[in-house]
Amino acid sequence: MKNLKFFALIIASTATVLSATAQTYQWKDSSGRTVISDTPPPGSAKESTRTIGGKVPGANAAPAAGKAPETPKTFAEKDMDFKKRQQETSEKAEKAEKEKAAAAEKRDNCDRAQKQLVLLESGQRVATTGDKGELQVMEDAEREKEMERARRFVSESCK
């Protein structure tokens, strides 16, 4: 009894698989009758063929006008596209890093210029080193000149 059930199950599954993969064609013959068959129609009626189930004939035919057919990319083309995207990503990251470093340097220069300006405007004695390495106290005219220079630098670098 078990063998009979097993045999019936195999027959049923085979019939299901065969019918699922079979293609059925429908077309009108020369006398105008509709013909349904599992074999493709003879040469003259192929243009008006309709597939019932399975793959549609002509599905891979020429695409819409004006568009070139897309061919699948080879492994080398895919690899080249991947490397190109990878290089573009690294270039963007490098550019972003440079911009970040430039912005940090600009902020640092701005902070230093503001501190220098505050120091010069405070009225405290400021000394500079001379040509021979000796300390020289800044005169009032020199201080005004340095304050003006520091104000210009602050206005330019702290935008």
Protein backbone atom coordinates (compact mmCIF):
# COMPACT_ATOMS: atom_id res chain seq x y z
CA MET A 1 0.00 0.00 0.00
CA LYS A 2 2.85 2.39 0.86
CA ASN A 3 4.48 1.71 -2.50
CA LEU A 4 1.26 2.53 -4.33
CA LYS A 5 0.91 5.88 -2.51
CA PHE A 6 4.55 6.67 -3.18
CA PHE A 7 4.16 5.78 -6.88
CA ALA A 8 1.01 7.96 -7.16
CA LEU A 9 2.84 10.88 -5.51
CA ILE A 10 5.74 10.62 -7.96
CA ILE A 11 3.38 10.49 -10.96
CA ALA A 12 1.42 13.52 -9.69
CA SER A 13 4.56 15.57 -9.03
CA THR A 14 6.01 14.67 -12.45
CA ALA A 15 2.81 15.73 -14.18
CA THR A 16 2.79 19.00 -12.24
CA VAL A 17 6.40 19.76 -13.11
CA LEU A 18 5.91 18.95 -16.79
CA SER A 19 2.77 21.06 -17.07
CA ALA A 20 4.41 23.96 -15.24
CA THR A 21 7.33 24.07 -17.66
CA ALA A 22 5.37 23.41 -20.85
CA GLN A 23 4.56 26.32 -23.15
CA THR A 24 1.24 26.59 -24.87
CA TYR A 25 0.85 28.58 -28.08
CA GLN A 26 -2.35 30.03 -29.52
CA TRP A 27 -2.71 31.33 -33.09
CA LYS A 28 -5.12 31.60 -35.99
CA ASP A 29 -4.45 29.32 -38.92
CA SER A 30 -4.99 30.14 -42.60
CA SER A 31 -8.70 29.22 -42.45
CA GLY A 32 -9.28 31.55 -39.44
CA ARG A 33 -9.60 28.87 -36.77
CA THR A 34 -7.93 29.34 -33.40
CA VAL A 35 -5.26 26.70 -32.81
CA ILE A 36 -3.86 25.93 -29.35
CA SER A 37 -0.74 23.77 -29.30
CA ASP A 38 2.43 23.03 -27.35
CA THR A 39 4.53 23.49 -30.50
CA PRO A 40 5.17 26.88 -32.10
CA PRO A 41 3.02 27.77 -35.11
CA PRO A 42 4.30 27.32 -38.66
CA GLY A 43 6.37 30.18 -40.13
CA SER A 44 3.67 32.55 -41.49
CA ALA A 45 1.59 32.81 -38.32
CA LYS A 46 4.46 33.56 -35.89
CA GLU A 47 3.78 37.29 -35.84
CA SER A 48 0.30 36.85 -34.38
CA THR A 49 1.30 34.18 -31.85
CA ARG A 50 0.20 34.50 -28.25
CA THR A 51 1.82 32.40 -25.53
CA ILE A 52 -0.40 30.99 -22.84
CA GLY A 53 1.79 30.41 -19.79
CA GLY A 54 5.56 30.07 -19.83
CA LYS A 55 7.85 32.59 -21.48
CA VAL A 56 6.46 35.16 -23.86
CA PRO A 57 7.94 34.84 -27.36
CA GLY A 58 9.64 38.00 -28.50
CA ALA A 59 10.13 39.27 -24.94
CA ASN A 60 13.80 39.78 -25.70
CA ALA A 61 13.02 41.43 -29.02
CA ALA A 62 14.29 44.90 -29.92
CA PRO A 63 13.57 47.49 -27.20
CA ALA A 64 11.62 50.67 -27.69
CA ALA A 65 12.76 52.98 -30.47
CA GLY A 66 15.72 55.19 -29.61
CA LYS A 67 17.07 52.94 -26.85
CA ALA A 68 20.03 50.67 -27.36
CA PRO A 69 19.64 47.15 -26.01
CA GLU A 70 21.34 46.68 -22.67
CA THR A 71 23.91 43.95 -22.67
CA PRO A 72 24.83 42.38 -19.36
CA LYS A 73 28.07 43.68 -17.95
CA THR A 74 31.06 41.40 -17.82
CA PHE A 75 32.93 40.75 -14.61
CA ALA A 76 35.75 43.04 -15.74
CA GLU A 77 33.30 45.89 -16.42
CA LYS A 78 31.63 45.39 -13.04
CA ASP A 79 35.03 45.33 -11.35
CA MET A 80 36.08 48.51 -13.18
CA ASP A 81 32.83 50.25 -12.15
CA PHE A 82 33.39 49.16 -8.55
CA LYS A 83 36.96 50.47 -8.53
CA LYS A 84 35.79 53.75 -10.07
CA ARG A 85 33.11 54.19 -7.39
CA GLN A 86 35.66 53.29 -4.72
CA GLN A 87 38.13 55.88 -6.05
CA GLU A 88 35.42 58.56 -6.23
CA THR A 89 34.43 57.81 -2.65
CA SER A 90 38.01 58.06 -1.42
CA GLU A 91 38.52 61.33 -3.35
CA LYS A 92 35.36 62.78 -1.78
CA ALA A 93 36.53 61.70 1.68
CA GLU A 94 39.98 63.19 1.07
CA LYS A 95 38.46 66.46 -0.16
CA ALA A 96 36.15 66.62 2.86
CA GLU A 97 39.12 66.00 5.17
CA LYS A 98 41.12 68.81 3.52
CA GLU A 99 38.17 71.19 3.81
CA LYS A 100 37.76 70.24 7.47
CA ALA A 101 41.48 70.87 8.12
CA ALA A 102 41.34 74.23 6.31
CA ALA A 103 38.29 75.28 8.36
CA ALA A 104 40.06 74.27 11.59
CA GLU A 105 43.16 76.25 10.59
CA LYS A 106 41.03 79.28 9.75
CA ARG A 107 39.31 79.12 13.17
CA ASP A 108 42.70 78.78 14.87
CA ASN A 109 44.11 81.80 12.98
CA CYS A 110 41.01 83.80 13.85
CA ASP A 111 41.32 82.96 17.55
CA ARG A 112 45.00 83.91 17.60
CA ALA A 113 44.35 87.21 15.81
CA GLN A 114 41.55 88.08 18.23
CA LYS A 115 43.77 87.32 21.24
CA GLN A 116 46.58 89.42 19.76
CA LEU A 117 44.17 92.31 19.20
CA VAL A 118 42.86 92.07 22.77
CA LEU A 119 46.43 92.08 24.08
CA LEU A 120 47.36 95.15 22.01
CA GLU A 121 44.20 97.03 23.02
CA SER A 122 44.65 96.23 26.74
CA GLY A 123 47.34 98.88 27.17
CA GLN A 124 49.84 96.50 28.75
CA ARG A 125 53.44 96.85 27.79
CA VAL A 126 54.30 94.62 24.86
CA ALA A 127 57.85 93.69 24.00
CA THR A 128 59.18 92.35 20.75
CA THR A 129 62.58 90.92 19.88
CA GLY A 130 64.92 93.06 17.88
CA ASP A 131 67.37 92.15 15.11
CA LYS A 132 70.08 91.13 17.60
CA GLY A 133 67.65 89.17 19.81
CA GLU A 134 67.21 91.85 22.48
CA LEU A 135 63.78 92.76 23.87
CA GLN A 136 62.33 96.08 22.75
CA VAL A 137 59.22 97.62 24.28
CA MET A 138 56.67 98.67 21.66
CA GLU A 139 56.15 102.42 21.31
CA ASP A 140 52.63 103.90 21.01
CA ALA A 141 52.95 104.51 17.26
CA GLU A 142 54.11 100.93 16.72
CA ARG A 143 51.29 99.64 18.93
CA GLU A 144 48.69 101.57 16.84
CA LYS A 145 50.16 100.21 13.65
CA GLU A 146 50.05 96.60 15.00
CA MET A 147 46.47 97.08 16.29
CA GLU A 148 45.37 98.27 12.85
CA ARG A 149 47.06 95.30 11.22
CA ALA A 150 45.48 92.90 13.73
CA ARG A 151 42.01 94.44 13.15
CA ARG A 152 42.35 93.92 9.39
CA PHE A 153 43.45 90.33 9.87
CA VAL A 154 40.54 89.64 12.25
CA SER A 155 38.04 91.13 9.82
CA GLU A 156 39.47 89.04 6.95
CA SER A 157 39.97 85.70 8.70
CA CYS A 158 36.94 85.65 11.03
CA LYS A 159 34.18 85.78 8.44
